[in-house]
């Protein structure tokens, strides 16, 4: 069983508007329209709100703690109001403790909107992106910021596009296996400390910590930099965790999977991941087996399970009357190599 220290599980309670702006301004083409007096405001909700009803006067269900999006609908509504009514509608919105407002589709704010926003110290941003696209992008960013996460000790490698998380006792050889895979053309995400983040249902993303990103410790040698040594082809910044391989010393009393029919899983942050116990003995090529694990996983994802296929073939042979142990070819042609 994998034990995750509950003290290592964390979830952000809030982020400030300055952090939000610094991280999305170039990604989502967001620019500042007001002053910066409200940059210390906190965003405490990962969801996004469009305040159409609140602008019209109904604030009974106004989700004011969320990032507010003013799209074409909201801006057209404000534009057809008289100045007095527009000020009244905006005061009704900005009177709440909202974190910030984003105008989409290159909508120009009215003078009243900027004046009221500055008076209440609420940052106002603009973006050329459509409302639908911006809501998706900002929503995904906030989902990531507020996602539950934990840290684990191991090595995460992208093997043939499959994220394999190597676990095991300290000194078992996780880093050495990862290094061998990198030398064979696969890509390191992180070694030693892995930050795991739950992204949606059934998705567990892995990344390195800022301090140890793409560094690796090889016992007897010391610290090496994988990116500097092997180049940009040898690294990834993030990867979905799809298989867990637990390296352990061979135990004569332990039961190891022989057929693959009894697939194991482990749960991390409520996400079930295929789990393989891989015993280590002298001379066993763990690197090649790891590549086979990745290819086997890809085949199963495409609907082919070798264990089930062999079981089906065996059942058919038994149904025909016993197990036939004859050779697998009917006739040896003139090819004796």
Protein backbone atom coordinates (compact mmCIF):
# COMPACT_ATOMS: atom_id res chain seq x y z
CA UNK A 1 0.00 0.00 0.00
CA UNK A 2 1.18 3.55 -0.78
CA UNK A 3 1.11 5.84 2.21
CA UNK A 4 0.70 9.55 1.56
CA UNK A 5 1.49 11.76 4.53
CA UNK A 6 -1.72 13.68 5.18
CA UNK A 7 0.37 16.60 6.36
CA UNK A 8 1.84 16.78 2.85
CA UNK A 9 -1.62 17.14 1.25
CA UNK A 10 -2.45 20.79 0.67
CA UNK A 11 -4.90 23.03 -1.10
CA UNK A 12 -4.68 26.79 -1.58
CA UNK A 13 -7.36 28.74 0.22
CA UNK A 14 -6.84 31.88 -1.84
CA UNK A 15 -4.54 33.79 -4.19
CA UNK A 16 -4.17 37.54 -4.50
CA UNK A 17 -5.10 39.49 -7.62
CA UNK A 18 -1.49 40.51 -8.27
CA UNK A 19 -0.39 36.85 -8.44
CA UNK A 20 -3.35 36.13 -10.72
CA UNK A 21 -2.53 39.02 -13.07
CA UNK A 22 1.21 38.30 -13.25
CA UNK A 23 0.52 34.69 -14.25
CA UNK A 24 -2.26 35.23 -16.81
CA UNK A 25 -1.45 38.55 -18.48
CA UNK A 26 0.77 37.10 -21.21
CA UNK A 27 -0.96 33.72 -21.45
CA UNK A 28 -4.47 35.09 -21.96
CA UNK A 29 -3.65 38.60 -23.32
CA UNK A 30 -5.03 40.34 -20.24
CA UNK A 31 -4.12 43.98 -19.62
CA UNK A 32 -4.85 46.41 -16.77
CA UNK A 33 -7.50 49.10 -17.32
CA UNK A 34 -7.79 50.52 -13.79
CA UNK A 35 -5.17 51.43 -11.20
CA UNK A 36 -3.33 48.86 -9.09
CA UNK A 37 -4.83 49.81 -5.73
CA UNK A 38 -6.79 46.56 -5.43
CA UNK A 39 -3.98 44.10 -6.25
CA UNK A 40 -3.96 42.83 -2.67
CA UNK A 41 -7.55 41.59 -2.94
CA UNK A 42 -7.97 37.83 -2.51
CA UNK A 43 -9.55 35.35 -4.92
CA UNK A 44 -11.09 32.61 -2.79
CA UNK A 45 -13.25 30.80 -5.33
CA UNK A 46 -12.00 28.87 -8.35
CA UNK A 47 -15.25 29.42 -10.24
CA UNK A 48 -16.07 32.38 -12.48
CA UNK A 49 -19.20 34.52 -12.51
CA UNK A 50 -21.04 36.64 -15.07
CA UNK A 51 -23.04 39.26 -13.12
CA UNK A 52 -25.85 39.91 -15.57
CA UNK A 53 -28.66 39.55 -13.02
CA UNK A 54 -26.73 41.51 -10.41
CA UNK A 55 -26.32 44.43 -12.84
CA UNK A 56 -30.08 44.32 -13.38
CA UNK A 57 -30.61 44.66 -9.64
CA UNK A 58 -31.08 41.10 -8.39
CA UNK A 59 -28.22 40.39 -5.98
CA UNK A 60 -29.85 37.70 -3.85
CA UNK A 61 -27.66 35.01 -5.42
CA UNK A 62 -24.75 37.20 -6.48
CA UNK A 63 -21.50 35.15 -6.30
CA UNK A 64 -19.38 38.19 -5.52
CA UNK A 65 -16.35 36.24 -4.24
CA UNK A 66 -15.58 35.03 -7.77
CA UNK A 67 -13.72 36.68 -10.66
CA UNK A 68 -16.36 38.68 -12.54
CA UNK A 69 -16.56 38.54 -16.33
CA UNK A 70 -18.18 41.39 -18.28
CA UNK A 71 -18.87 40.09 -21.78
CA UNK A 72 -20.81 41.57 -24.69
CA UNK A 73 -24.15 41.00 -22.94
CA UNK A 74 -23.17 42.89 -19.79
CA UNK A 75 -21.50 45.72 -21.71
CA UNK A 76 -24.43 46.13 -24.13
CA UNK A 77 -26.81 46.25 -21.19
CA UNK A 78 -24.76 48.94 -19.44
CA UNK A 79 -24.43 50.87 -22.69
CA UNK A 80 -28.16 51.24 -23.19
CA UNK A 81 -28.71 52.62 -19.68
CA UNK A 82 -28.75 56.31 -18.87
CA UNK A 83 -25.68 57.58 -17.03
CA UNK A 84 -27.61 57.74 -13.76
CA UNK A 85 -28.91 54.18 -14.12
CA UNK A 86 -25.48 52.94 -15.21
CA UNK A 87 -23.81 54.43 -12.14
CA UNK A 88 -26.50 52.89 -9.95
CA UNK A 89 -26.00 49.44 -11.52
CA UNK A 90 -22.21 49.63 -11.20
CA UNK A 91 -22.36 50.84 -7.59
CA UNK A 92 -24.57 47.86 -6.86
CA UNK A 93 -21.85 45.54 -8.17
CA UNK A 94 -18.71 47.21 -6.87
CA UNK A 95 -20.24 47.70 -3.45
CA UNK A 96 -19.61 44.00 -2.87
CA UNK A 97 -16.19 42.61 -1.99
CA UNK A 98 -15.43 41.32 -5.48
CA UNK A 99 -11.80 40.39 -6.32
CA UNK A 100 -11.58 41.79 -9.87
CA UNK A 101 -13.41 42.31 -13.15
CA UNK A 102 -12.35 41.23 -16.66
CA UNK A 103 -13.84 42.78 -19.81
CA UNK A 104 -13.76 40.45 -22.82
CA UNK A 105 -13.95 40.95 -26.61
CA UNK A 106 -11.96 44.21 -26.47
CA UNK A 107 -14.91 45.98 -24.87
CA UNK A 108 -14.02 49.53 -23.83
CA UNK A 109 -15.00 50.46 -20.28
CA UNK A 110 -17.03 53.57 -19.67
CA UNK A 111 -15.59 56.40 -17.59
CA UNK A 112 -18.08 55.60 -14.84
CA UNK A 113 -16.96 51.98 -14.66
CA UNK A 114 -13.27 52.87 -14.19
CA UNK A 115 -14.01 55.68 -11.72
CA UNK A 116 -16.24 53.48 -9.56
CA UNK A 117 -13.80 50.56 -9.74
CA UNK A 118 -10.91 52.77 -8.62
CA UNK A 119 -13.01 54.29 -5.85
CA UNK A 120 -13.76 50.80 -4.50
CA UNK A 121 -10.19 49.58 -5.20
CA UNK A 122 -11.32 46.80 -7.51
CA UNK A 123 -8.92 46.01 -10.40
CA UNK A 124 -10.43 45.98 -13.89
CA UNK A 125 -8.75 44.08 -16.72
CA UNK A 126 -9.41 43.80 -20.43
CA UNK A 127 -8.84 41.04 -22.97
CA UNK A 128 -9.36 40.64 -26.73
CA UNK A 129 -10.46 37.03 -26.23
CA UNK A 130 -14.09 36.00 -26.49
CA UNK A 131 -16.05 35.42 -23.30
CA UNK A 132 -16.37 31.69 -23.91
CA UNK A 133 -12.64 31.23 -24.50
CA UNK A 134 -11.54 33.43 -21.62
CA UNK A 135 -13.91 31.73 -19.16
CA UNK A 136 -12.42 28.38 -20.19
CA UNK A 137 -8.80 29.52 -19.92
CA UNK A 138 -9.12 31.45 -16.67
CA UNK A 139 -11.29 28.70 -15.20
CA UNK A 140 -8.65 26.10 -16.01
CA UNK A 141 -5.93 28.27 -14.46
CA UNK A 142 -7.92 28.76 -11.25
CA UNK A 143 -8.81 25.06 -11.10
CA UNK A 144 -5.10 24.31 -11.13
CA UNK A 145 -4.32 26.89 -8.45
CA UNK A 146 -7.01 25.60 -6.09
CA UNK A 147 -6.49 21.90 -6.86
CA UNK A 148 -5.59 19.50 -4.07
CA UNK A 149 -1.98 18.35 -4.21
CA UNK A 150 0.60 16.31 -2.33
CA UNK A 151 4.29 15.49 -2.52
CA UNK A 152 5.85 12.04 -2.83
CA UNK A 153 9.37 10.63 -2.93
CA UNK A 154 10.10 8.91 -6.23
CA UNK A 155 11.00 9.40 -9.89
CA UNK A 156 8.55 10.36 -12.66
CA UNK A 157 9.55 9.52 -16.24
CA UNK A 158 7.74 9.82 -19.57
CA UNK A 159 8.28 6.44 -21.24
CA UNK A 160 6.83 6.24 -24.78
CA UNK A 161 4.32 8.93 -23.74
CA UNK A 162 3.25 7.07 -20.60
CA UNK A 163 3.90 8.72 -17.24
CA UNK A 164 5.50 6.08 -14.98
CA UNK A 165 5.97 6.95 -11.32
CA UNK A 166 8.74 4.86 -9.76
CA UNK A 167 8.42 4.35 -6.01
CA UNK A 168 10.35 2.27 -3.51
CA UNK A 169 12.53 2.41 -0.44
CA UNK A 170 15.42 4.85 -0.33
CA UNK A 171 18.45 3.44 -2.15
CA UNK A 172 16.45 0.83 -4.11
CA UNK A 173 17.57 2.35 -7.45
CA UNK A 174 14.73 4.63 -8.62
CA UNK A 175 17.08 7.34 -9.85
CA UNK A 176 19.33 4.82 -11.60
CA UNK A 177 16.37 3.34 -13.48
CA UNK A 178 15.23 6.85 -14.46
CA UNK A 179 18.74 7.73 -15.63
CA UNK A 180 18.96 4.58 -17.74
CA UNK A 181 15.60 5.38 -19.34
CA UNK A 182 16.75 8.93 -20.12
CA UNK A 183 19.90 7.57 -21.77
CA UNK A 184 17.61 5.41 -23.96
CA UNK A 185 15.71 8.48 -25.16
CA UNK A 186 12.90 8.85 -22.62
CA UNK A 187 12.15 12.03 -20.66
CA UNK A 188 12.51 12.96 -17.00
CA UNK A 189 9.77 14.95 -15.29
CA UNK A 190 11.25 14.96 -11.79
CA UNK A 191 13.44 12.94 -9.47
CA UNK A 192 13.30 12.69 -5.68
CA UNK A 193 10.41 15.09 -4.92
CA UNK A 194 7.27 14.76 -7.06
CA UNK A 195 4.40 17.24 -6.70
CA UNK A 196 1.14 15.45 -7.56
CA UNK A 197 -1.94 17.53 -8.38
CA UNK A 198 -5.45 16.27 -8.96
CA UNK A 199 -6.81 17.76 -12.18
CA UNK A 200 -10.45 16.84 -12.64
CA UNK A 201 -11.85 13.38 -12.10
CA UNK A 202 -9.38 10.56 -12.65
CA UNK A 203 -6.43 12.77 -13.68
CA UNK A 204 -3.29 13.04 -11.57
CA UNK A 205 -0.60 15.38 -12.86
CA UNK A 206 3.02 15.21 -11.74
CA UNK A 207 5.68 17.91 -11.75
CA UNK A 208 8.92 18.71 -10.00
CA UNK A 209 9.42 21.16 -7.17
CA UNK A 210 11.02 24.47 -8.16
CA UNK A 211 14.18 23.67 -6.20
CA UNK A 212 15.01 20.22 -7.58
CA UNK A 213 13.55 20.55 -11.08
CA UNK A 214 15.52 18.29 -13.46
CA UNK A 215 18.33 17.73 -10.97
CA UNK A 216 19.12 14.17 -9.94
CA UNK A 217 21.19 12.59 -7.18
CA UNK A 218 23.24 9.53 -8.12
CA UNK A 219 24.70 7.83 -5.08
CA UNK A 220 28.46 7.70 -5.29
CA UNK A 221 28.54 10.48 -7.88
CA UNK A 222 26.43 13.31 -6.50
CA UNK A 223 24.09 15.87 -8.10
CA UNK A 224 23.74 16.04 -11.88
CA UNK A 225 21.64 18.28 -14.13
CA UNK A 226 19.71 16.18 -16.65
CA UNK A 227 18.77 19.12 -18.89
CA UNK A 228 22.37 20.38 -19.15
CA UNK A 229 23.79 16.90 -19.64
CA UNK A 230 21.28 15.33 -22.07
CA UNK A 231 19.61 18.41 -23.56
CA UNK A 232 16.06 19.67 -23.81
CA UNK A 233 14.87 16.39 -25.36
CA UNK A 234 15.47 14.61 -22.06
CA UNK A 235 13.04 16.59 -19.88
CA UNK A 236 9.38 17.41 -19.41
CA UNK A 237 7.90 19.95 -17.02
CA UNK A 238 4.75 17.99 -16.29
CA UNK A 239 3.16 14.64 -17.12
CA UNK A 240 0.04 12.75 -16.22
CA UNK A 241 0.76 9.83 -13.89
CA UNK A 242 -0.62 6.72 -15.61
CA UNK A 243 1.26 3.79 -14.04
CA UNK A 244 2.90 3.34 -10.65
CA UNK A 245 5.86 0.92 -10.46
CA UNK A 246 6.93 0.02 -6.96
CA UNK A 247 10.52 -1.29 -6.91
CA UNK A 248 11.23 -3.74 -4.09
CA UNK A 249 13.82 -6.32 -3.18
CA UNK A 250 12.89 -9.89 -4.08
CA UNK A 251 10.98 -11.64 -1.30
CA UNK A 252 10.61 -15.42 -1.56
CA UNK A 253 7.47 -15.28 0.60
CA UNK A 254 5.73 -12.56 -1.42
CA UNK A 255 3.15 -13.15 -4.13
CA UNK A 256 3.97 -11.49 -7.45
CA UNK A 257 1.66 -11.20 -10.43
CA UNK A 258 2.28 -13.97 -12.96
CA UNK A 259 -0.52 -13.66 -15.53
CA UNK A 260 -1.70 -10.05 -15.43
CA UNK A 261 -5.32 -11.08 -14.84
CA UNK A 262 -5.33 -9.72 -11.31
CA UNK A 263 -4.50 -6.10 -12.04
CA UNK A 264 -3.71 -3.98 -9.00
CA UNK A 265 -4.48 -0.30 -8.47
CA UNK A 266 -3.48 2.29 -5.91
CA UNK A 267 -5.39 5.41 -4.96
CA UNK A 268 -3.67 8.78 -4.60
CA UNK A 269 -5.83 11.86 -3.94
CA UNK A 270 -8.91 9.75 -4.79
CA UNK A 271 -7.48 8.88 -8.24
CA UNK A 272 -7.02 5.18 -9.05
CA UNK A 273 -3.76 4.38 -10.85
CA UNK A 274 -2.60 0.97 -12.19
CA UNK A 275 -0.02 -0.40 -9.74
CA UNK A 276 2.80 -2.88 -10.44
CA UNK A 277 5.03 -4.50 -7.82
CA UNK A 278 8.36 -5.09 -9.54
CA UNK A 279 10.84 -7.27 -7.62
CA UNK A 280 14.54 -6.64 -8.15
CA UNK A 281 17.15 -9.38 -8.39
CA UNK A 282 20.73 -9.23 -9.75
CA UNK A 283 20.80 -9.28 -13.55
CA UNK A 284 17.18 -8.23 -14.01
CA UNK A 285 16.89 -5.47 -16.62
CA UNK A 286 14.45 -3.08 -14.96
CA UNK A 287 14.89 -0.50 -17.73
CA UNK A 288 13.67 -2.80 -20.50
CA UNK A 289 10.86 -4.08 -18.29
CA UNK A 290 9.80 -0.46 -17.69
CA UNK A 291 9.61 0.10 -21.44
CA UNK A 292 7.52 -3.06 -21.77
CA UNK A 293 5.22 -1.81 -18.98
CA UNK A 294 4.63 1.41 -20.95
CA UNK A 295 3.95 -0.44 -24.22
CA UNK A 296 1.69 -2.94 -22.45
CA UNK A 297 -0.27 -0.05 -20.96
CA UNK A 298 -0.68 1.56 -24.39
CA UNK A 299 -1.96 -1.73 -25.85
CA UNK A 300 -4.50 -2.07 -23.05
CA UNK A 301 -5.65 1.50 -23.67
CA UNK A 302 -6.29 0.49 -27.29
CA UNK A 303 -8.35 -2.49 -26.18
CA UNK A 304 -5.82 -5.34 -26.36
CA UNK A 305 -5.01 -7.23 -23.15
CA UNK A 306 -2.46 -10.03 -23.66
CA UNK A 307 -3.53 -11.85 -20.48
CA UNK A 308 -7.19 -11.92 -21.56
CA UNK A 309 -6.22 -12.93 -25.10
CA UNK A 310 -4.15 -15.85 -23.81
CA UNK A 311 -6.92 -16.87 -21.40
CA UNK A 312 -9.43 -16.84 -24.26
CA UNK A 313 -7.12 -18.95 -26.47
CA UNK A 314 -6.58 -21.43 -23.62
CA UNK A 315 -10.32 -21.70 -22.93
CA UNK A 316 -11.03 -22.40 -26.60
CA UNK A 317 -8.37 -25.12 -26.73
CA UNK A 318 -9.71 -26.79 -23.58
CA UNK A 319 -13.25 -26.65 -24.99
CA UNK A 320 -12.03 -28.57 -28.06
CA UNK A 321 -10.81 -31.37 -25.83
CA UNK A 322 -7.69 -30.85 -23.79
CA UNK A 323 -4.53 -28.83 -24.15
CA UNK A 324 -2.65 -29.39 -27.42
CA UNK A 325 1.10 -29.20 -26.82
CA UNK A 326 2.08 -29.67 -30.47
CA UNK A 327 4.52 -27.23 -32.03
CA UNK A 328 3.25 -23.86 -33.23
CA UNK A 329 4.13 -24.41 -36.92
CA UNK A 330 2.77 -27.10 -39.21
CA UNK A 331 5.81 -27.53 -41.42
CA UNK A 332 9.45 -26.38 -41.28
CA UNK A 333 10.26 -24.76 -44.60
CA UNK A 334 13.84 -24.54 -45.90
CA UNK A 335 14.95 -21.92 -43.45
CA UNK A 336 17.11 -23.56 -40.81
CA UNK A 337 18.71 -20.51 -39.17
